[in-house]
PDB file of N, CA and C in Angstrom:
ATOM      1  N   UNK A   1      -8.656 -12.032  11.254  1.00  0.00           N
ATOM      2  CA  UNK A   1      -8.652 -12.490   9.584  1.00  0.00           C
ATOM      3  C   UNK A   1      -9.465 -12.145   8.621  1.00  0.00           C
ATOM      4  N   UNK A   2      -9.249 -11.692   7.872  1.00  0.00           N
ATOM      5  CA  UNK A   2     -10.023 -11.075   6.749  1.00  0.00           C
ATOM      6  C   UNK A   2     -10.477 -12.647   5.787  1.00  0.00           C
ATOM      7  N   UNK A   3     -12.254 -11.265   5.473  1.00  0.00           N
ATOM      8  CA  UNK A   3     -12.718 -12.387   4.858  1.00  0.00           C
ATOM      9  C   UNK A   3     -12.991 -12.636   3.677  1.00  0.00           C
ATOM     10  N   UNK A   4     -13.419 -13.181   2.889  1.00  0.00           N
ATOM     11  CA  UNK A   4     -13.474 -12.943   1.287  1.00  0.00           C
ATOM     12  C   UNK A   4     -13.992 -11.880   0.499  1.00  0.00           C
ATOM     13  N   UNK A   5     -15.067 -12.176   1.153  1.00  0.00           N
ATOM     14  CA  UNK A   5     -15.768 -10.413   0.923  1.00  0.00           C
ATOM     15  C   UNK A   5     -14.818  -9.336   0.678  1.00  0.00           C
ATOM     16  N   UNK A   6     -14.592  -9.084   2.319  1.00  0.00           N
ATOM     17  CA  UNK A   6     -13.678  -7.638   2.282  1.00  0.00           C
ATOM     18  C   UNK A   6     -12.932  -8.104   1.605  1.00  0.00           C
ATOM     19  N   UNK A   7     -11.891  -8.975   1.266  1.00  0.00           N
ATOM     20  CA  UNK A   7     -10.781  -8.742   0.850  1.00  0.00           C
ATOM     21  C   UNK A   7     -10.916  -8.872  -0.570  1.00  0.00           C
ATOM     22  N   UNK A   8     -11.826  -9.046  -1.120  1.00  0.00           N
ATOM     23  CA  UNK A   8     -11.575  -8.509  -2.684  1.00  0.00           C
ATOM     24  C   UNK A   8     -12.749  -7.568  -3.260  1.00  0.00           C
ATOM     25  N   UNK A   9     -13.489  -6.968  -1.767  1.00  0.00           N
ATOM     26  CA  UNK A   9     -13.818  -5.035  -2.154  1.00  0.00           C
ATOM     27  C   UNK A   9     -12.461  -4.413  -1.992  1.00  0.00           C
ATOM     28  N   UNK A  10     -11.777  -5.143  -0.825  1.00  0.00           N
ATOM     29  CA  UNK A  10      -9.998  -3.936  -1.287  1.00  0.00           C
ATOM     30  C   UNK A  10      -9.679  -4.102  -2.605  1.00  0.00           C
ATOM     31  N   UNK A  11      -9.223  -5.198  -3.244  1.00  0.00           N
ATOM     32  CA  UNK A  11      -8.891  -4.930  -4.250  1.00  0.00           C
ATOM     33  C   UNK A  11      -9.447  -4.797  -5.752  1.00  0.00           C
ATOM     34  N   UNK A  12     -10.869  -4.629  -5.232  1.00  0.00           N
ATOM     35  CA  UNK A  12     -11.510  -4.193  -6.485  1.00  0.00           C
ATOM     36  C   UNK A  12     -11.324  -2.755  -6.783  1.00  0.00           C
ATOM     37  N   UNK A  13     -10.547  -2.122  -6.275  1.00  0.00           N
ATOM     38  CA  UNK A  13     -10.866  -0.553  -6.565  1.00  0.00           C
ATOM     39  C   UNK A  13      -8.764  -0.583  -7.166  1.00  0.00           C
ATOM     40  N   UNK A  14      -8.794   0.302  -8.153  1.00  0.00           N
ATOM     41  CA  UNK A  14      -7.697   0.608  -8.576  1.00  0.00           C
ATOM     42  C   UNK A  14      -6.542   1.330  -7.828  1.00  0.00           C
ATOM     43  N   UNK A  15      -6.918   2.041  -7.003  1.00  0.00           N
ATOM     44  CA  UNK A  15      -6.074   3.178  -6.371  1.00  0.00           C
ATOM     45  C   UNK A  15      -5.389   1.869  -4.850  1.00  0.00           C
ATOM     46  N   UNK A  16      -6.379   1.107  -4.529  1.00  0.00           N
ATOM     47  CA  UNK A  16      -6.026   0.240  -3.652  1.00  0.00           C
ATOM     48  C   UNK A  16      -5.129  -0.465  -4.402  1.00  0.00           C
ATOM     49  N   UNK A  17      -5.171  -1.038  -5.379  1.00  0.00           N
ATOM     50  CA  UNK A  17      -3.847  -2.264  -6.247  1.00  0.00           C
ATOM     51  C   UNK A  17      -2.397  -1.833  -5.821  1.00  0.00           C
ATOM     52  N   UNK A  18      -2.929   0.043  -6.433  1.00  0.00           N
ATOM     53  CA  UNK A  18      -1.462   0.195  -6.180  1.00  0.00           C
ATOM     54  C   UNK A  18      -1.004   0.883  -5.477  1.00  0.00           C
ATOM     55  N   UNK A  19      -1.624   1.310  -4.127  1.00  0.00           N
ATOM     56  CA  UNK A  19      -0.915   0.948  -2.706  1.00  0.00           C
ATOM     57  C   UNK A  19      -0.801   0.121  -2.192  1.00  0.00           C
ATOM     58  N   UNK A  20      -1.371  -1.050  -2.942  1.00  0.00           N
ATOM     59  CA  UNK A  20      -0.285  -2.512  -2.484  1.00  0.00           C
ATOM     60  C   UNK A  20       0.243  -3.065  -3.193  1.00  0.00           C
ATOM     61  N   UNK A  21       0.636  -2.792  -4.136  1.00  0.00           N
ATOM     62  CA  UNK A  21       1.238  -3.239  -5.176  1.00  0.00           C
ATOM     63  C   UNK A  21       2.932  -2.429  -4.833  1.00  0.00           C
ATOM     64  N   UNK A  22       2.804  -1.281  -4.160  1.00  0.00           N
ATOM     65  CA  UNK A  22       4.277  -0.734  -3.429  1.00  0.00           C
ATOM     66  C   UNK A  22       4.190  -0.705  -2.442  1.00  0.00           C
ATOM     67  N   UNK A  23       3.280  -1.317  -1.288  1.00  0.00           N
ATOM     68  CA  UNK A  23       3.677  -1.718  -0.059  1.00  0.00           C
ATOM     69  C   UNK A  23       4.294  -2.726  -0.483  1.00  0.00           C
ATOM     70  N   UNK A  24       3.990  -3.824  -1.498  1.00  0.00           N
ATOM     71  CA  UNK A  24       5.017  -4.973  -1.684  1.00  0.00           C
ATOM     72  C   UNK A  24       5.873  -4.984  -1.835  1.00  0.00           C
ATOM     73  N   UNK A  25       6.210  -4.413  -2.721  1.00  0.00           N
ATOM     74  CA  UNK A  25       7.606  -3.601  -3.394  1.00  0.00           C
ATOM     75  C   UNK A  25       8.662  -3.147  -2.776  1.00  0.00           C
ATOM     76  N   UNK A  26       7.871  -2.846  -1.452  1.00  0.00           N
ATOM     77  CA  UNK A  26       8.932  -1.752  -0.352  1.00  0.00           C
ATOM     78  C   UNK A  26       9.130  -2.829   0.791  1.00  0.00           C
ATOM     79  N   UNK A  27       8.056  -3.482   1.124  1.00  0.00           N
ATOM     80  CA  UNK A  27       7.661  -4.478   2.120  1.00  0.00           C
ATOM     81  C   UNK A  27       6.807  -3.120   3.574  1.00  0.00           C
ATOM     82  N   UNK A  28       7.238  -1.758   3.610  1.00  0.00           N
ATOM     83  CA  UNK A  28       6.514  -0.620   4.587  1.00  0.00           C
ATOM     84  C   UNK A  28       6.734   0.505   3.855  1.00  0.00           C
ATOM     85  N   UNK A  29       5.214   1.462   3.730  1.00  0.00           N
ATOM     86  CA  UNK A  29       6.028   2.790   3.782  1.00  0.00           C
ATOM     87  C   UNK A  29       4.895   3.263   4.331  1.00  0.00           C
ATOM     88  N   UNK A  30       5.565   5.043   4.447  1.00  0.00           N
ATOM     89  CA  UNK A  30       5.045   5.569   5.034  1.00  0.00           C
ATOM     90  C   UNK A  30       4.220   6.731   4.291  1.00  0.00           C
ATOM     91  N   UNK A  31       2.679   7.145   5.294  1.00  0.00           N
ATOM     92  CA  UNK A  31       1.719   7.919   4.201  1.00  0.00           C
ATOM     93  C   UNK A  31       1.781   8.545   3.364  1.00  0.00           C
ATOM     94  N   UNK A  32       3.282   9.229   3.968  1.00  0.00           N
ATOM     95  CA  UNK A  32       3.836  10.282   2.914  1.00  0.00           C
ATOM     96  C   UNK A  32       4.442  10.167   1.832  1.00  0.00           C
ATOM     97  N   UNK A  33       5.320   8.820   2.045  1.00  0.00           N
ATOM     98  CA  UNK A  33       5.422   8.012   0.882  1.00  0.00           C
ATOM     99  C   UNK A  33       4.286   7.636  -0.877  1.00  0.00           C
ATOM    100  N   UNK A  34       3.424   7.301   0.142  1.00  0.00           N
ATOM    101  CA  UNK A  34       1.994   6.938  -0.867  1.00  0.00           C
ATOM    102  C   UNK A  34       1.776   7.845  -1.469  1.00  0.00           C
ATOM    103  N   UNK A  35       1.453   9.057  -0.415  1.00  0.00           N
ATOM    104  CA  UNK A  35       0.685  10.082  -1.384  1.00  0.00           C
ATOM    105  C   UNK A  35       1.764  11.113  -2.309  1.00  0.00           C
ATOM    106  N   UNK A  36       2.700  10.808  -2.014  1.00  0.00           N
ATOM    107  CA  UNK A  36       3.810  11.448  -3.191  1.00  0.00           C
ATOM    108  C   UNK A  36       3.556  10.670  -4.490  1.00  0.00           C
ATOM    109  N   UNK A  37       3.732   9.084  -4.326  1.00  0.00           N
ATOM    110  CA  UNK A  37       3.917   8.432  -5.228  1.00  0.00           C
ATOM    111  C   UNK A  37       2.828   8.022  -5.853  1.00  0.00           C
ATOM    112  N   UNK A  38       1.801   8.043  -5.486  1.00  0.00           N
ATOM    113  CA  UNK A  38       0.205   8.097  -6.602  1.00  0.00           C
ATOM    114  C   UNK A  38      -0.255   9.353  -6.796  1.00  0.00           C
ATOM    115  N   UNK A  39       0.068  10.743  -6.326  1.00  0.00           N
ATOM    116  CA  UNK A  39       0.553  12.276  -6.511  1.00  0.00           C
ATOM    117  C   UNK A  39      -1.155  12.079  -6.759  1.00  0.00           C
ATOM    118  N   UNK A  40      -1.629  11.834  -4.992  1.00  0.00           N
ATOM    119  CA  UNK A  40      -2.993  12.210  -4.279  1.00  0.00           C
ATOM    120  C   UNK A  40      -2.794  12.651  -3.436  1.00  0.00           C
ATOM    121  N   UNK A  41      -4.006  13.362  -2.850  1.00  0.00           N
ATOM    122  CA  UNK A  41      -4.319  14.439  -1.604  1.00  0.00           C
ATOM    123  C   UNK A  41      -4.271  13.459  -0.462  1.00  0.00           C
ATOM    124  N   UNK A  42      -3.862  13.656   0.177  1.00  0.00           N
ATOM    125  CA  UNK A  42      -3.374  12.663   1.575  1.00  0.00           C
ATOM    126  C   UNK A  42      -4.485  11.908   2.609  1.00  0.00           C
ATOM    127  N   UNK A  43      -5.660  12.854   2.292  1.00  0.00           N
ATOM    128  CA  UNK A  43      -6.922  12.291   2.859  1.00  0.00           C
ATOM    129  C   UNK A  43      -7.727  11.238   1.698  1.00  0.00           C
ATOM    130  N   UNK A  44      -7.328  11.209   0.828  1.00  0.00           N
ATOM    131  CA  UNK A  44      -7.871  10.024  -0.427  1.00  0.00           C
ATOM    132  C   UNK A  44      -6.949   9.132  -0.090  1.00  0.00           C
ATOM    133  N   UNK A  45      -5.828   8.858   0.260  1.00  0.00           N
ATOM    134  CA  UNK A  45      -4.886   7.743   0.068  1.00  0.00           C
ATOM    135  C   UNK A  45      -4.992   7.270   1.765  1.00  0.00           C
ATOM    136  N   UNK A  46      -5.490   8.050   3.048  1.00  0.00           N
ATOM    137  CA  UNK A  46      -5.728   7.622   3.883  1.00  0.00           C
ATOM    138  C   UNK A  46      -7.053   7.000   4.304  1.00  0.00           C
ATOM    139  N   UNK A  47      -7.393   7.560   3.440  1.00  0.00           N
ATOM    140  CA  UNK A  47      -9.199   6.689   3.597  1.00  0.00           C
ATOM    141  C   UNK A  47      -9.034   5.274   3.120  1.00  0.00           C
ATOM    142  N   UNK A  48      -8.292   5.242   1.662  1.00  0.00           N
ATOM    143  CA  UNK A  48      -8.152   3.370   1.463  1.00  0.00           C
ATOM    144  C   UNK A  48      -7.202   2.895   2.298  1.00  0.00           C
ATOM    145  N   UNK A  49      -6.209   3.649   2.811  1.00  0.00           N
ATOM    146  CA  UNK A  49      -5.407   2.742   3.908  1.00  0.00           C
ATOM    147  C   UNK A  49      -5.948   2.318   5.128  1.00  0.00           C
ATOM    148  N   UNK A  50      -7.246   3.092   5.471  1.00  0.00           N
ATOM    149  CA  UNK A  50      -8.209   2.800   6.576  1.00  0.00           C
ATOM    150  C   UNK A  50      -9.005   1.624   6.366  1.00  0.00           C
ATOM    151  N   UNK A  51      -9.755   1.600   4.675  1.00  0.00           N
ATOM    152  CA  UNK A  51     -10.163   0.554   4.322  1.00  0.00           C
ATOM    153  C   UNK A  51      -9.390  -0.687   4.306  1.00  0.00           C
ATOM    154  N   UNK A  52      -8.236  -0.335   4.385  1.00  0.00           N
ATOM    155  CA  UNK A  52      -7.484  -2.100   3.798  1.00  0.00           C
ATOM    156  C   UNK A  52      -6.977  -2.079   5.118  1.00  0.00           C
ATOM    157  N   UNK A  53      -6.967  -1.437   6.433  1.00  0.00           N
ATOM    158  CA  UNK A  53      -6.501  -1.824   7.570  1.00  0.00           C
ATOM    159  C   UNK A  53      -8.107  -2.538   8.329  1.00  0.00           C
ATOM    160  N   UNK A  54      -8.861  -1.767   7.941  1.00  0.00           N
ATOM    161  CA  UNK A  54     -10.000  -2.443   8.646  1.00  0.00           C
ATOM    162  C   UNK A  54     -10.353  -4.011   7.984  1.00  0.00           C
ATOM    163  N   UNK A  55     -10.299  -4.316   6.766  1.00  0.00           N
ATOM    164  CA  UNK A  55     -10.455  -5.447   6.266  1.00  0.00           C
ATOM    165  C   UNK A  55      -9.443  -6.552   7.053  1.00  0.00           C
ATOM    166  N   UNK A  56      -8.518  -6.150   7.450  1.00  0.00           N
ATOM    167  CA  UNK A  56      -7.580  -7.015   7.674  1.00  0.00           C
ATOM    168  C   UNK A  56      -5.981  -7.560   6.579  1.00  0.00           C
ATOM    169  N   UNK A  57      -6.079  -6.549   5.622  1.00  0.00           N
ATOM    170  CA  UNK A  57      -4.971  -6.461   4.264  1.00  0.00           C
ATOM    171  C   UNK A  57      -3.817  -6.103   5.132  1.00  0.00           C
ATOM    172  N   UNK A  58      -4.154  -4.547   5.953  1.00  0.00           N
ATOM    173  CA  UNK A  58      -2.474  -4.394   6.636  1.00  0.00           C
ATOM    174  C   UNK A  58      -3.311  -4.071   8.134  1.00  0.00           C
ATOM    175  N   UNK A  59      -2.021  -3.897   8.130  1.00  0.00           N
ATOM    176  CA  UNK A  59      -1.049  -3.502   9.479  1.00  0.00           C
ATOM    177  C   UNK A  59      -0.472  -2.422   9.823  1.00  0.00           C
ATOM    178  N   UNK A  60      -0.409  -1.661  10.600  1.00  0.00           N
ATOM    179  CA  UNK A  60       0.227   0.021  11.037  1.00  0.00           C
ATOM    180  C   UNK A  60       1.176  -0.197  11.884  1.00  0.00           C
ATOM    181  N   UNK A  61       1.871   0.629  11.870  1.00  0.00           N
ATOM    182  CA  UNK A  61       3.133   0.866  13.037  1.00  0.00           C
ATOM    183  C   UNK A  61       3.588   2.357  13.015  1.00  0.00           C
ATOM    184  N   UNK A  62       3.209   2.963  14.273  1.00  0.00           N
ATOM    185  CA  UNK A  62       3.811   4.125  14.489  1.00  0.00           C
ATOM    186  C   UNK A  62       5.307   4.311  15.127  1.00  0.00           C
ATOM    187  N   UNK A  63       5.189   5.458  14.610  1.00  0.00           N
ATOM    188  CA  UNK A  63       6.797   5.465  15.026  1.00  0.00           C
ATOM    189  C   UNK A  63       7.048   7.235  14.831  1.00  0.00           C
ATOM    190  N   UNK A  64       6.521   8.257  16.169  1.00  0.00           N
ATOM    191  CA  UNK A  64       6.486   9.299  16.405  1.00  0.00           C
ATOM    192  C   UNK A  64       5.232   9.811  15.677  1.00  0.00           C
ATOM    193  N   UNK A  65       5.593  10.848  14.795  1.00  0.00           N
ATOM    194  CA  UNK A  65       4.582  11.197  14.117  1.00  0.00           C
ATOM    195  C   UNK A  65       4.366  10.840  12.377  1.00  0.00           C
ATOM    196  N   UNK A  66       5.372   9.601  12.426  1.00  0.00           N
ATOM    197  CA  UNK A  66       5.370   8.985  11.050  1.00  0.00           C
ATOM    198  C   UNK A  66       3.864   7.789  11.378  1.00  0.00           C
ATOM    199  N   UNK A  67       3.645   7.202  10.349  1.00  0.00           N
ATOM    200  CA  UNK A  67       2.713   6.467  10.094  1.00  0.00           C
ATOM    201  C   UNK A  67       2.998   5.145   9.005  1.00  0.00           C
ATOM    202  N   UNK A  68       3.481   3.798   9.631  1.00  0.00           N
ATOM    203  CA  UNK A  68       3.887   2.861   8.313  1.00  0.00           C
ATOM    204  C   UNK A  68       2.393   2.086   7.889  1.00  0.00           C
ATOM    205  N   UNK A  69       2.685   1.094   7.178  1.00  0.00           N
ATOM    206  CA  UNK A  69       1.776   0.378   6.316  1.00  0.00           C
ATOM    207  C   UNK A  69       2.462  -0.551   6.092  1.00  0.00           C
ATOM    208  N   UNK A  70       2.202  -2.281   6.073  1.00  0.00           N
ATOM    209  CA  UNK A  70       2.800  -3.218   5.634  1.00  0.00           C
ATOM    210  C   UNK A  70       1.435  -4.281   5.292  1.00  0.00           C
ATOM    211  N   UNK A  71       1.808  -5.302   4.408  1.00  0.00           N
ATOM    212  CA  UNK A  71       1.005  -5.924   4.656  1.00  0.00           C
ATOM    213  C   UNK A  71       0.761  -7.074   5.955  1.00  0.00           C
ATOM    214  N   UNK A  72      -0.484  -7.024   6.393  1.00  0.00           N
ATOM    215  CA  UNK A  72      -0.934  -7.968   7.629  1.00  0.00           C
ATOM    216  C   UNK A  72      -0.089  -9.304   7.757  1.00  0.00           C
ATOM    217  N   UNK A  73       0.622  -9.268   8.928  1.00  0.00           N
ATOM    218  CA  UNK A  73       1.627 -10.341   8.439  1.00  0.00           C
ATOM    219  C   UNK A  73       0.669 -11.544   9.320  1.00  0.00           C
ATOM    220  N   UNK A  74      -0.323 -11.719   9.604  1.00  0.00           N
ATOM    221  CA  UNK A  74      -1.465 -12.645   9.781  1.00  0.00           C
ATOM    222  C   UNK A  74      -2.437 -12.409   8.690  1.00  0.00           C
ATOM    223  N   UNK A  75      -1.860 -12.339   7.558  1.00  0.00           N
ATOM    224  CA  UNK A  75      -2.588 -12.153   6.610  1.00  0.00           C
ATOM    225  C   UNK A  75      -2.597 -13.718   5.919  1.00  0.00           C
ATOM    226  N   UNK A  76      -3.992 -14.665   5.883  1.00  0.00           N
ATOM    227  CA  UNK A  76      -3.971 -15.842   5.620  1.00  0.00           C
ATOM    228  C   UNK A  76      -3.550 -16.265   4.249  1.00  0.00           C
ATOM    229  N   UNK A  77      -2.973 -17.234   3.939  1.00  0.00           N
ATOM    230  CA  UNK A  77      -2.220 -18.054   3.074  1.00  0.00           C
ATOM    231  C   UNK A  77      -2.579 -18.126   1.976  1.00  0.00           C
ATOM    232  N   UNK A  78      -4.081 -17.998   2.016  1.00  0.00           N
ATOM    233  CA  UNK A  78      -4.890 -17.691   0.468  1.00  0.00           C
ATOM    234  C   UNK A  78      -4.692 -16.403  -0.485  1.00  0.00           C
ATOM    235  N   UNK A  79      -4.977 -15.421   0.675  1.00  0.00           N
ATOM    236  CA  UNK A  79      -5.373 -13.888   0.097  1.00  0.00           C
ATOM    237  C   UNK A  79      -3.616 -13.046  -0.025  1.00  0.00           C
ATOM    238  N   UNK A  80      -2.429 -14.227   0.817  1.00  0.00           N
ATOM    239  CA  UNK A  80      -0.985 -13.576   0.456  1.00  0.00           C
ATOM    240  C   UNK A  80      -0.572 -14.079  -0.841  1.00  0.00           C
ATOM    241  N   UNK A  81      -1.433 -15.371  -1.464  1.00  0.00           N
ATOM    242  CA  UNK A  81      -0.984 -15.649  -2.938  1.00  0.00           C
ATOM    243  C   UNK A  81      -2.100 -15.256  -3.777  1.00  0.00           C
ATOM    244  N   UNK A  82      -2.995 -14.556  -3.864  1.00  0.00           N
ATOM    245  CA  UNK A  82      -3.755 -13.793  -4.570  1.00  0.00           C
ATOM    246  C   UNK A  82      -3.239 -12.639  -4.906  1.00  0.00           C
ATOM    247  N   UNK A  83      -2.561 -11.542  -3.330  1.00  0.00           N
ATOM    248  CA  UNK A  83      -1.647 -10.352  -3.590  1.00  0.00           C
ATOM    249  C   UNK A  83      -0.554 -10.827  -4.384  1.00  0.00           C
ATOM    250  N   UNK A  84       0.176 -12.099  -4.559  1.00  0.00           N
ATOM    251  CA  UNK A  84       1.676 -11.920  -5.051  1.00  0.00           C
ATOM    252  C   UNK A  84       0.930 -12.172  -6.557  1.00  0.00           C
ATOM    253  N   UNK A  85       0.056 -13.177  -6.523  1.00  0.00           N
ATOM    254  CA  UNK A  85      -0.288 -13.184  -8.153  1.00  0.00           C
ATOM    255  C   UNK A  85      -0.821 -11.481  -8.969  1.00  0.00           C
ATOM    256  N   UNK A  86      -1.764 -10.867  -8.115  1.00  0.00           N
ATOM    257  CA  UNK A  86      -1.610  -9.407  -8.542  1.00  0.00           C
ATOM    258  C   UNK A  86      -0.466  -8.802  -8.940  1.00  0.00           C
ATOM    259  N   UNK A  87       0.489  -8.520  -8.140  1.00  0.00           N
ATOM    260  CA  UNK A  87       1.802  -7.910  -7.890  1.00  0.00           C
ATOM    261  C   UNK A  87       2.352  -8.904  -9.403  1.00  0.00           C
ATOM    262  N   UNK A  88       2.509 -10.055  -9.595  1.00  0.00           N
ATOM    263  CA  UNK A  88       3.543 -10.512 -10.600  1.00  0.00           C
ATOM    264  C   UNK A  88       2.383 -10.107 -12.066  1.00  0.00           C
ATOM    265  N   UNK A  89       1.323 -10.055 -12.090  1.00  0.00           N
ATOM    266  CA  UNK A  89       0.048  -9.938 -13.387  1.00  0.00           C
ATOM    267  C   UNK A  89       0.549  -7.989 -13.676  1.00  0.00           C
ATOM    268  N   UNK A  90       0.802  -7.347 -12.578  1.00  0.00           N
ATOM    269  CA  UNK A  90       0.825  -5.835 -13.019  1.00  0.00           C
ATOM    270  C   UNK A  90       2.335  -5.682 -12.904  1.00  0.00           C
ATOM    271  N   UNK A  91       3.740  -6.531 -13.034  1.00  0.00           N
ATOM    272  CA  UNK A  91       4.838  -6.268 -13.095  1.00  0.00           C
ATOM    273  C   UNK A  91       4.811  -5.549 -14.656  1.00  0.00           C
ATOM    274  N   UNK A  92       5.472  -4.608 -14.903  1.00  0.00           N
ATOM    275  CA  UNK A  92       5.402  -3.938 -16.189  1.00  0.00           C
ATOM    276  C   UNK A  92       4.439  -2.904 -16.498  1.00  0.00           C
ATOM    277  N   UNK A  93       3.020  -3.139 -15.675  1.00  0.00           N
ATOM    278  CA  UNK A  93       1.972  -2.677 -16.371  1.00  0.00           C
ATOM    279  C   UNK A  93       2.516  -0.969 -16.109  1.00  0.00           C
ATOM    280  N   UNK A  94       2.136   0.357 -17.159  1.00  0.00           N
ATOM    281  CA  UNK A  94       2.715   1.283 -17.073  1.00  0.00           C
ATOM    282  C   UNK A  94       2.608   2.293 -15.785  1.00  0.00           C
ATOM    283  N   UNK A  95       0.918   2.553 -14.898  1.00  0.00           N
ATOM    284  CA  UNK A  95       0.841   3.079 -13.938  1.00  0.00           C
ATOM    285  C   UNK A  95       1.721   2.829 -12.874  1.00  0.00           C
ATOM    286  N   UNK A  96       1.394   1.387 -12.524  1.00  0.00           N
ATOM    287  CA  UNK A  96       2.423   0.918 -11.595  1.00  0.00           C
ATOM    288  C   UNK A  96       4.431   0.958 -11.661  1.00  0.00           C
ATOM    289  N   UNK A  97       4.250   1.053 -13.117  1.00  0.00           N
ATOM    290  CA  UNK A  97       6.280   1.720 -12.755  1.00  0.00           C
ATOM    291  C   UNK A  97       5.858   2.969 -12.944  1.00  0.00           C
ATOM    292  N   UNK A  98       5.288   3.965 -13.130  1.00  0.00           N
ATOM    293  CA  UNK A  98       5.353   4.978 -12.898  1.00  0.00           C
ATOM    294  C   UNK A  98       5.422   5.537 -11.535  1.00  0.00           C
ATOM    295  N   UNK A  99       4.336   4.773 -10.752  1.00  0.00           N
ATOM    296  CA  UNK A  99       4.524   5.079  -9.012  1.00  0.00           C
ATOM    297  C   UNK A  99       5.643   4.952  -8.387  1.00  0.00           C
ATOM    298  N   UNK A 100       5.909   3.139  -8.942  1.00  0.00           N
ATOM    299  CA  UNK A 100       7.574   2.901  -8.474  1.00  0.00           C
ATOM    300  C   UNK A 100       8.911   4.213  -9.021  1.00  0.00           C
ATOM    301  N   UNK A 101       8.532   4.830 -10.060  1.00  0.00           N
ATOM    302  CA  UNK A 101       9.846   5.555 -10.221  1.00  0.00           C
ATOM    303  C   UNK A 101       9.079   6.864  -9.483  1.00  0.00           C
ATOM    304  N   UNK A 102       8.383   7.035  -9.129  1.00  0.00           N
ATOM    305  CA  UNK A 102       7.829   8.620  -8.647  1.00  0.00           C
ATOM    306  C   UNK A 102       8.426   8.325  -7.143  1.00  0.00           C
ATOM    307  N   UNK A 103       8.145   7.399  -6.286  1.00  0.00           N
ATOM    308  CA  UNK A 103       8.244   6.693  -5.072  1.00  0.00           C
ATOM    309  C   UNK A 103       9.937   6.887  -5.143  1.00  0.00           C
ATOM    310  N   UNK A 104      10.930   5.938  -6.246  1.00  0.00           N
ATOM    311  CA  UNK A 104      12.233   6.410  -5.922  1.00  0.00           C
ATOM    312  C   UNK A 104      12.182   7.527  -6.135  1.00  0.00           C
ATOM    313  N   UNK A 105      11.894   8.183  -6.744  1.00  0.00           N
ATOM    314  CA  UNK A 105      12.784   9.749  -7.070  1.00  0.00           C
ATOM    315  C   UNK A 105      12.397  10.576  -5.837  1.00  0.00           C
ATOM    316  N   UNK A 106      11.943  10.234  -4.837  1.00  0.00           N
ATOM    317  CA  UNK A 106      11.163  11.136  -3.725  1.00  0.00           C
ATOM    318  C   UNK A 106      12.360  11.342  -2.894  1.00  0.00           C
ATOM    319  N   UNK A 107      12.372  12.548  -2.280  1.00  0.00           N
ATOM    320  CA  UNK A 107      14.061  12.802  -1.663  1.00  0.00           C
ATOM    321  C   UNK A 107      13.469  12.845  -0.022  1.00  0.00           C
ATOM    322  N   UNK A 108      14.396  12.370   1.223  1.00  0.00           N
ATOM    323  CA  UNK A 108      14.180  12.119   2.208  1.00  0.00           C
ATOM    324  C   UNK A 108      12.726  11.579   2.817  1.00  0.00           C
ATOM    325  N   UNK A 109      12.842  10.708   1.792  1.00  0.00           N
ATOM    326  CA  UNK A 109      12.048   9.251   2.642  1.00  0.00           C
ATOM    327  C   UNK A 109      12.053   9.340   4.073  1.00  0.00           C
ATOM    328  N   UNK A 110      11.237   8.588   4.375  1.00  0.00           N
ATOM    329  CA  UNK A 110      11.277   8.657   6.341  1.00  0.00           C
ATOM    330  C   UNK A 110      12.354   7.550   6.826  1.00  0.00           C
ATOM    331  N   UNK A 111      13.141   7.996   7.932  1.00  0.00           N
ATOM    332  CA  UNK A 111      12.204   8.999   9.008  1.00  0.00           C
ATOM    333  C   UNK A 111      12.012  10.337   8.780  1.00  0.00           C
ATOM    334  N   UNK A 112      12.620  11.064   7.807  1.00  0.00           N
ATOM    335  CA  UNK A 112      12.941  12.665   7.521  1.00  0.00           C
ATOM    336  C   UNK A 112      11.493  12.673   6.530  1.00  0.00           C
ATOM    337  N   UNK A 113      11.041  12.616   5.916  1.00  0.00           N
ATOM    338  CA  UNK A 113      10.075  13.386   4.875  1.00  0.00           C
ATOM    339  C   UNK A 113       8.457  13.591   5.418  1.00  0.00           C
ATOM    340  N   UNK A 114       8.246  12.670   6.906  1.00  0.00           N
ATOM    341  CA  UNK A 114       6.883  13.147   7.495  1.00  0.00           C
ATOM    342  C   UNK A 114       7.176  14.020   8.686  1.00  0.00           C
ATOM    343  N   UNK A 115       8.086  14.503   8.840  1.00  0.00           N
ATOM    344  CA  UNK A 115       8.570  15.627  10.213  1.00  0.00           C
ATOM    345  C   UNK A 115       7.915  16.581   9.899  1.00  0.00           C
TER     346      UNK A 115
END
């Protein structure tokens, strides 16, 4: 179970909000899709993902060499509502729109991109 402090620490970072917004829009994303869409180095994205996983906000699924992230299925209802409000409140904000557009233009998305 995610603590309130850890949850809001996750949301306090703009990169983590961008990651969450992308994952919420797609349901599940591979690490390679995230660093492509965000145009950031893989280690930086992976560090943010680890923070969110350790906080209980994200869950991970491995498939061969690929690592996929999604919102934790057992996330508390209050936390899920906050994420939904964040997603709705950022709809149309240019940085989030740019991330979504970049992701949609990615060739060879999983399961092929990470091989």
